[in-house]
N, C-alpha and C. Protein backbone atom coordinates (compact mmCIF):
# COMPACT_ATOMS: atom_id res chain seq x y z
N MET A 1 0.82 -1.19 0.00
CA MET A 1 0.00 0.00 0.00
C MET A 1 0.86 1.25 0.00
N ILE A 2 1.95 1.19 0.76
CA ILE A 2 2.81 2.37 0.83
C ILE A 2 3.44 2.63 -0.53
N ALA A 3 3.82 1.57 -1.23
CA ALA A 3 4.44 1.73 -2.55
C ALA A 3 3.48 2.36 -3.54
N ALA A 4 2.19 2.11 -3.41
CA ALA A 4 1.19 2.68 -4.31
C ALA A 4 0.76 4.07 -3.89
N SER A 5 1.12 4.49 -2.69
CA SER A 5 0.73 5.81 -2.19
C SER A 5 1.67 6.88 -2.72
N PRO A 6 1.39 8.14 -2.40
CA PRO A 6 2.30 9.22 -2.83
C PRO A 6 3.71 9.08 -2.25
N PHE A 7 3.86 8.29 -1.20
CA PHE A 7 5.19 8.08 -0.61
C PHE A 7 5.99 7.00 -1.36
N GLY A 8 5.39 6.37 -2.37
CA GLY A 8 6.04 5.31 -3.11
C GLY A 8 7.32 5.75 -3.78
N GLY A 9 7.33 6.95 -4.37
CA GLY A 9 8.53 7.46 -5.01
C GLY A 9 9.65 7.67 -4.02
N MET A 10 9.32 8.21 -2.86
CA MET A 10 10.32 8.43 -1.83
C MET A 10 10.83 7.09 -1.28
N LEU A 11 9.94 6.12 -1.19
CA LEU A 11 10.33 4.80 -0.69
C LEU A 11 11.33 4.14 -1.63
N SER A 12 11.15 4.33 -2.94
CA SER A 12 12.08 3.72 -3.89
C SER A 12 13.48 4.29 -3.74
N MET A 13 13.61 5.51 -3.24
CA MET A 13 14.95 6.09 -3.01
C MET A 13 15.66 5.40 -1.85
N PHE A 14 14.90 4.81 -0.95
CA PHE A 14 15.49 4.18 0.23
C PHE A 14 15.51 2.66 0.16
N GLY A 15 15.44 2.09 -1.03
CA GLY A 15 15.55 0.65 -1.17
C GLY A 15 14.25 -0.04 -1.55
N GLY A 16 13.19 0.69 -1.79
CA GLY A 16 11.93 0.12 -2.23
C GLY A 16 11.22 -0.64 -1.11
N THR A 17 10.35 -1.54 -1.53
CA THR A 17 9.54 -2.28 -0.55
C THR A 17 10.38 -3.23 0.30
N GLU A 18 11.57 -3.61 -0.22
CA GLU A 18 12.45 -4.49 0.57
C GLU A 18 12.92 -3.80 1.84
N ALA A 19 12.99 -2.46 1.82
CA ALA A 19 13.42 -1.72 3.01
C ALA A 19 12.39 -1.84 4.13
N LEU A 20 11.13 -2.11 3.77
CA LEU A 20 10.07 -2.23 4.77
C LEU A 20 9.92 -3.64 5.32
N ALA A 21 10.54 -4.61 4.66
CA ALA A 21 10.38 -6.01 5.06
C ALA A 21 10.73 -6.26 6.52
N PRO A 22 11.83 -5.72 7.05
CA PRO A 22 12.14 -5.98 8.46
C PRO A 22 11.12 -5.36 9.43
N LEU A 23 10.37 -4.39 8.96
CA LEU A 23 9.38 -3.73 9.82
C LEU A 23 8.04 -4.46 9.84
N LYS A 24 7.86 -5.35 8.88
CA LYS A 24 6.56 -6.01 8.73
C LYS A 24 6.20 -6.88 9.93
N GLU A 25 7.09 -7.75 10.34
CA GLU A 25 6.80 -8.70 11.43
C GLU A 25 6.50 -7.99 12.76
N PRO A 26 7.33 -7.02 13.19
CA PRO A 26 6.99 -6.32 14.43
C PRO A 26 5.66 -5.58 14.34
N PHE A 27 5.35 -5.04 13.16
CA PHE A 27 4.08 -4.33 12.99
C PHE A 27 2.91 -5.29 13.14
N VAL A 28 3.02 -6.46 12.51
CA VAL A 28 1.95 -7.45 12.59
C VAL A 28 1.75 -7.91 14.02
N GLU A 29 2.84 -8.17 14.74
CA GLU A 29 2.74 -8.61 16.14
C GLU A 29 2.08 -7.54 17.01
N LYS A 30 2.49 -6.29 16.81
CA LYS A 30 1.93 -5.19 17.61
C LYS A 30 0.45 -5.02 17.30
N MET A 31 0.07 -5.15 16.03
CA MET A 31 -1.34 -5.04 15.66
C MET A 31 -2.16 -6.17 16.27
N GLN A 32 -1.61 -7.39 16.28
CA GLN A 32 -2.33 -8.51 16.89
C GLN A 32 -2.54 -8.27 18.38
N GLU A 33 -1.52 -7.78 19.05
CA GLU A 33 -1.64 -7.48 20.48
C GLU A 33 -2.71 -6.42 20.71
N SER A 34 -2.68 -5.36 19.88
CA SER A 34 -3.63 -4.27 20.05
C SER A 34 -5.06 -4.74 19.80
N VAL A 35 -5.25 -5.51 18.74
CA VAL A 35 -6.60 -6.01 18.43
C VAL A 35 -7.09 -6.93 19.55
N THR A 36 -6.22 -7.78 20.06
CA THR A 36 -6.59 -8.67 21.16
C THR A 36 -6.98 -7.86 22.39
N GLU A 37 -6.18 -6.86 22.70
CA GLU A 37 -6.45 -6.00 23.85
C GLU A 37 -7.79 -5.29 23.71
N ILE A 38 -8.01 -4.71 22.53
CA ILE A 38 -9.24 -3.97 22.28
C ILE A 38 -10.45 -4.90 22.34
N SER A 39 -10.33 -6.09 21.76
CA SER A 39 -11.46 -7.01 21.73
C SER A 39 -11.79 -7.57 23.10
N GLN A 40 -10.84 -7.55 24.02
CA GLN A 40 -11.09 -8.05 25.38
C GLN A 40 -11.68 -6.99 26.30
N SER A 41 -11.75 -5.75 25.86
CA SER A 41 -12.27 -4.68 26.72
C SER A 41 -13.77 -4.86 26.93
N ASP A 42 -14.24 -4.42 28.07
CA ASP A 42 -15.65 -4.57 28.42
C ASP A 42 -16.56 -3.75 27.50
N THR A 43 -16.10 -2.58 27.08
CA THR A 43 -16.94 -1.75 26.21
C THR A 43 -17.19 -2.43 24.86
N VAL A 44 -16.16 -3.05 24.31
CA VAL A 44 -16.33 -3.74 23.03
C VAL A 44 -17.22 -4.96 23.21
N LYS A 45 -17.02 -5.69 24.28
CA LYS A 45 -17.87 -6.86 24.54
C LYS A 45 -19.33 -6.45 24.69
N GLU A 46 -19.57 -5.35 25.42
CA GLU A 46 -20.93 -4.89 25.64
C GLU A 46 -21.56 -4.41 24.33
N ALA A 47 -20.80 -3.68 23.51
CA ALA A 47 -21.31 -3.20 22.23
C ALA A 47 -21.61 -4.37 21.30
N LEU A 48 -20.76 -5.36 21.29
CA LEU A 48 -20.97 -6.55 20.47
C LEU A 48 -22.21 -7.31 20.92
N LYS A 49 -22.37 -7.42 22.23
CA LYS A 49 -23.54 -8.11 22.77
C LYS A 49 -24.82 -7.38 22.39
N GLU A 50 -24.81 -6.05 22.48
CA GLU A 50 -25.99 -5.28 22.11
C GLU A 50 -26.32 -5.46 20.63
N GLN A 51 -25.28 -5.46 19.79
CA GLN A 51 -25.50 -5.63 18.36
C GLN A 51 -26.07 -7.00 18.05
N LEU A 52 -25.52 -8.03 18.68
CA LEU A 52 -25.97 -9.40 18.38
C LEU A 52 -27.36 -9.68 18.91
N GLU A 53 -27.76 -8.98 19.97
CA GLU A 53 -29.07 -9.23 20.55
C GLU A 53 -30.17 -8.38 19.94
N SER A 54 -29.82 -7.50 19.03
CA SER A 54 -30.84 -6.65 18.41
C SER A 54 -31.72 -7.51 17.50
N PRO A 55 -33.02 -7.20 17.44
CA PRO A 55 -33.93 -8.00 16.61
C PRO A 55 -33.52 -8.02 15.13
N ALA A 56 -33.04 -6.92 14.62
CA ALA A 56 -32.64 -6.87 13.22
C ALA A 56 -31.48 -7.84 12.96
N MET A 57 -30.52 -7.88 13.89
CA MET A 57 -29.37 -8.76 13.73
C MET A 57 -29.79 -10.22 13.84
N LEU A 58 -30.69 -10.52 14.78
CA LEU A 58 -31.17 -11.90 14.92
C LEU A 58 -31.90 -12.36 13.66
N ASP A 59 -32.71 -11.45 13.08
CA ASP A 59 -33.41 -11.80 11.84
C ASP A 59 -32.42 -12.04 10.71
N GLU A 60 -31.39 -11.20 10.64
CA GLU A 60 -30.38 -11.36 9.59
C GLU A 60 -29.62 -12.66 9.75
N ILE A 61 -29.27 -13.00 10.99
CA ILE A 61 -28.57 -14.25 11.26
C ILE A 61 -29.44 -15.44 10.86
N LYS A 62 -30.72 -15.36 11.21
CA LYS A 62 -31.65 -16.44 10.87
C LYS A 62 -31.76 -16.61 9.35
N VAL A 63 -31.86 -15.51 8.63
CA VAL A 63 -31.96 -15.56 7.17
C VAL A 63 -30.68 -16.16 6.59
N ASN A 64 -29.53 -15.74 7.10
CA ASN A 64 -28.26 -16.28 6.61
C ASN A 64 -28.15 -17.77 6.85
N ILE A 65 -28.56 -18.23 8.02
CA ILE A 65 -28.51 -19.66 8.33
C ILE A 65 -29.45 -20.43 7.40
N GLU A 66 -30.65 -19.89 7.18
CA GLU A 66 -31.59 -20.56 6.28
C GLU A 66 -31.02 -20.65 4.87
N GLN A 67 -30.36 -19.58 4.40
CA GLN A 67 -29.76 -19.60 3.07
C GLN A 67 -28.65 -20.64 2.97
N ILE A 68 -27.84 -20.73 4.01
CA ILE A 68 -26.75 -21.71 4.01
C ILE A 68 -27.31 -23.13 3.98
N ILE A 69 -28.33 -23.37 4.80
CA ILE A 69 -28.93 -24.71 4.84
C ILE A 69 -29.56 -25.05 3.49
N ASP A 70 -30.29 -24.10 2.90
CA ASP A 70 -30.90 -24.34 1.59
C ASP A 70 -29.84 -24.63 0.53
N GLN A 71 -28.76 -23.86 0.58
CA GLN A 71 -27.68 -24.06 -0.39
C GLN A 71 -27.07 -25.45 -0.24
N ARG A 72 -26.81 -25.86 1.00
CA ARG A 72 -26.22 -27.18 1.23
C ARG A 72 -27.18 -28.29 0.81
N LEU A 73 -28.48 -28.13 1.08
CA LEU A 73 -29.45 -29.14 0.68
C LEU A 73 -29.55 -29.24 -0.84
N ASN A 74 -29.43 -28.11 -1.52
CA ASN A 74 -29.48 -28.13 -2.99
C ASN A 74 -28.26 -28.81 -3.58
N GLU A 75 -27.15 -28.82 -2.85
CA GLU A 75 -25.93 -29.46 -3.34
C GLU A 75 -25.96 -30.98 -3.18
N LEU A 76 -26.87 -31.49 -2.34
CA LEU A 76 -26.92 -32.93 -2.09
C LEU A 76 -27.50 -33.67 -3.29
N THR A 77 -26.85 -34.73 -3.65
CA THR A 77 -27.35 -35.62 -4.70
C THR A 77 -27.66 -36.96 -4.04
N PRO A 78 -28.48 -37.79 -4.68
CA PRO A 78 -28.80 -39.09 -4.09
C PRO A 78 -27.55 -39.93 -3.79
N SER A 79 -26.57 -39.89 -4.68
CA SER A 79 -25.36 -40.68 -4.43
C SER A 79 -24.58 -40.13 -3.25
N LEU A 80 -24.57 -38.80 -3.09
CA LEU A 80 -23.88 -38.20 -1.96
C LEU A 80 -24.57 -38.55 -0.64
N VAL A 81 -25.89 -38.53 -0.64
CA VAL A 81 -26.65 -38.93 0.55
C VAL A 81 -26.37 -40.39 0.89
N LYS A 82 -26.33 -41.24 -0.12
CA LYS A 82 -26.05 -42.67 0.08
C LYS A 82 -24.67 -42.85 0.71
N GLU A 83 -23.67 -42.14 0.17
CA GLU A 83 -22.32 -42.22 0.73
C GLU A 83 -22.28 -41.76 2.18
N MET A 84 -22.98 -40.66 2.48
CA MET A 84 -22.99 -40.14 3.85
C MET A 84 -23.62 -41.13 4.81
N VAL A 85 -24.74 -41.74 4.40
CA VAL A 85 -25.42 -42.71 5.26
C VAL A 85 -24.55 -43.94 5.47
N GLN A 86 -23.93 -44.43 4.39
CA GLN A 86 -23.05 -45.60 4.53
C GLN A 86 -21.87 -45.30 5.45
N LYS A 87 -21.31 -44.12 5.33
CA LYS A 87 -20.18 -43.74 6.18
C LYS A 87 -20.61 -43.68 7.65
N MET A 88 -21.81 -43.09 7.92
CA MET A 88 -22.29 -43.01 9.29
C MET A 88 -22.57 -44.41 9.84
N ILE A 89 -23.15 -45.27 9.03
CA ILE A 89 -23.42 -46.64 9.48
C ILE A 89 -22.12 -47.35 9.80
N LYS A 90 -21.16 -47.21 8.92
CA LYS A 90 -19.87 -47.88 9.13
C LYS A 90 -19.19 -47.37 10.40
N GLU A 91 -19.22 -46.05 10.62
CA GLU A 91 -18.55 -45.47 11.79
C GLU A 91 -19.28 -45.76 13.09
N HIS A 92 -20.61 -45.60 13.08
CA HIS A 92 -21.35 -45.62 14.33
C HIS A 92 -22.06 -46.94 14.63
N LEU A 93 -22.37 -47.71 13.61
CA LEU A 93 -23.13 -48.92 13.85
C LEU A 93 -22.31 -50.19 13.68
N GLY A 94 -21.04 -50.07 13.36
CA GLY A 94 -20.19 -51.24 13.19
C GLY A 94 -20.13 -52.09 14.44
N TRP A 95 -19.92 -51.44 15.58
CA TRP A 95 -19.85 -52.19 16.83
C TRP A 95 -21.20 -52.77 17.22
N LEU A 96 -22.27 -52.12 16.82
CA LEU A 96 -23.61 -52.66 17.11
C LEU A 96 -23.79 -54.01 16.41
N VAL A 97 -23.31 -54.13 15.21
CA VAL A 97 -23.39 -55.40 14.47
C VAL A 97 -22.55 -56.46 15.18
N VAL A 98 -21.34 -56.10 15.60
CA VAL A 98 -20.45 -57.05 16.28
C VAL A 98 -21.08 -57.52 17.58
N TRP A 99 -21.51 -56.58 18.41
CA TRP A 99 -22.10 -56.96 19.70
C TRP A 99 -23.43 -57.69 19.51
N GLY A 100 -24.19 -57.34 18.49
CA GLY A 100 -25.42 -58.07 18.20
C GLY A 100 -25.13 -59.52 17.87
N GLY A 101 -24.07 -59.76 17.08
CA GLY A 101 -23.67 -61.13 16.77
C GLY A 101 -23.22 -61.88 18.00
N VAL A 102 -22.44 -61.22 18.87
CA VAL A 102 -21.95 -61.87 20.09
C VAL A 102 -23.11 -62.22 21.00
N PHE A 103 -23.99 -61.25 21.27
CA PHE A 103 -25.12 -61.53 22.17
C PHE A 103 -26.10 -62.51 21.55
N GLY A 104 -26.30 -62.43 20.24
CA GLY A 104 -27.16 -63.41 19.56
C GLY A 104 -26.60 -64.81 19.70
N GLY A 105 -25.29 -64.97 19.56
CA GLY A 105 -24.66 -66.28 19.72
C GLY A 105 -24.80 -66.79 21.14
N VAL A 106 -24.57 -65.91 22.12
CA VAL A 106 -24.69 -66.31 23.53
C VAL A 106 -26.12 -66.72 23.84
N ILE A 107 -27.09 -65.95 23.37
CA ILE A 107 -28.50 -66.28 23.61
C ILE A 107 -28.85 -67.60 22.94
N GLY A 108 -28.33 -67.82 21.73
CA GLY A 108 -28.57 -69.08 21.02
C GLY A 108 -28.00 -70.27 21.77
N VAL A 109 -26.77 -70.16 22.30
CA VAL A 109 -26.14 -71.25 23.06
C VAL A 109 -26.92 -71.50 24.34
N VAL A 110 -27.30 -70.46 25.06
CA VAL A 110 -28.05 -70.62 26.30
C VAL A 110 -29.40 -71.27 26.03
N SER A 111 -30.09 -70.83 25.00
CA SER A 111 -31.41 -71.42 24.71
C SER A 111 -31.28 -72.88 24.25
N ALA A 112 -30.20 -73.22 23.56
CA ALA A 112 -29.96 -74.60 23.15
C ALA A 112 -29.69 -75.48 24.36
N LEU A 113 -28.94 -74.94 25.33
CA LEU A 113 -28.66 -75.70 26.55
C LEU A 113 -29.92 -75.87 27.40
N VAL A 114 -30.75 -74.88 27.43
CA VAL A 114 -31.98 -74.94 28.24
C VAL A 114 -32.98 -75.91 27.60
N MET A 115 -33.02 -75.98 26.30
CA MET A 115 -33.97 -76.84 25.60
C MET A 115 -33.61 -78.32 25.73
N GLN A 116 -32.38 -78.67 26.04
CA GLN A 116 -31.99 -80.07 26.14
C GLN A 116 -32.44 -80.69 27.37
């Protein structure tokens, strides 16, 4: 930005944008500290809370969420839904099948022993 500003010509006399490179990292660190400090202040937190709790903001958030959900639902295809369901079954119901087989076998052995 400085190179594109009216100070760009003067900057080129002092080594161009490379002369600013050593200043970049300390500037970024100081800005991060300042932003963190400012965002932690009670006045900013209170102003943010007031903004988020306003009816207009809540309506806007609701509309945005509805748009995102509609967009994601429109992107779903039958094959994608099938893959998602198969993945969930494999991840979450795999052990149910194993334990069902184990308990079914135990119940079968016990009932066979009782019937004799």
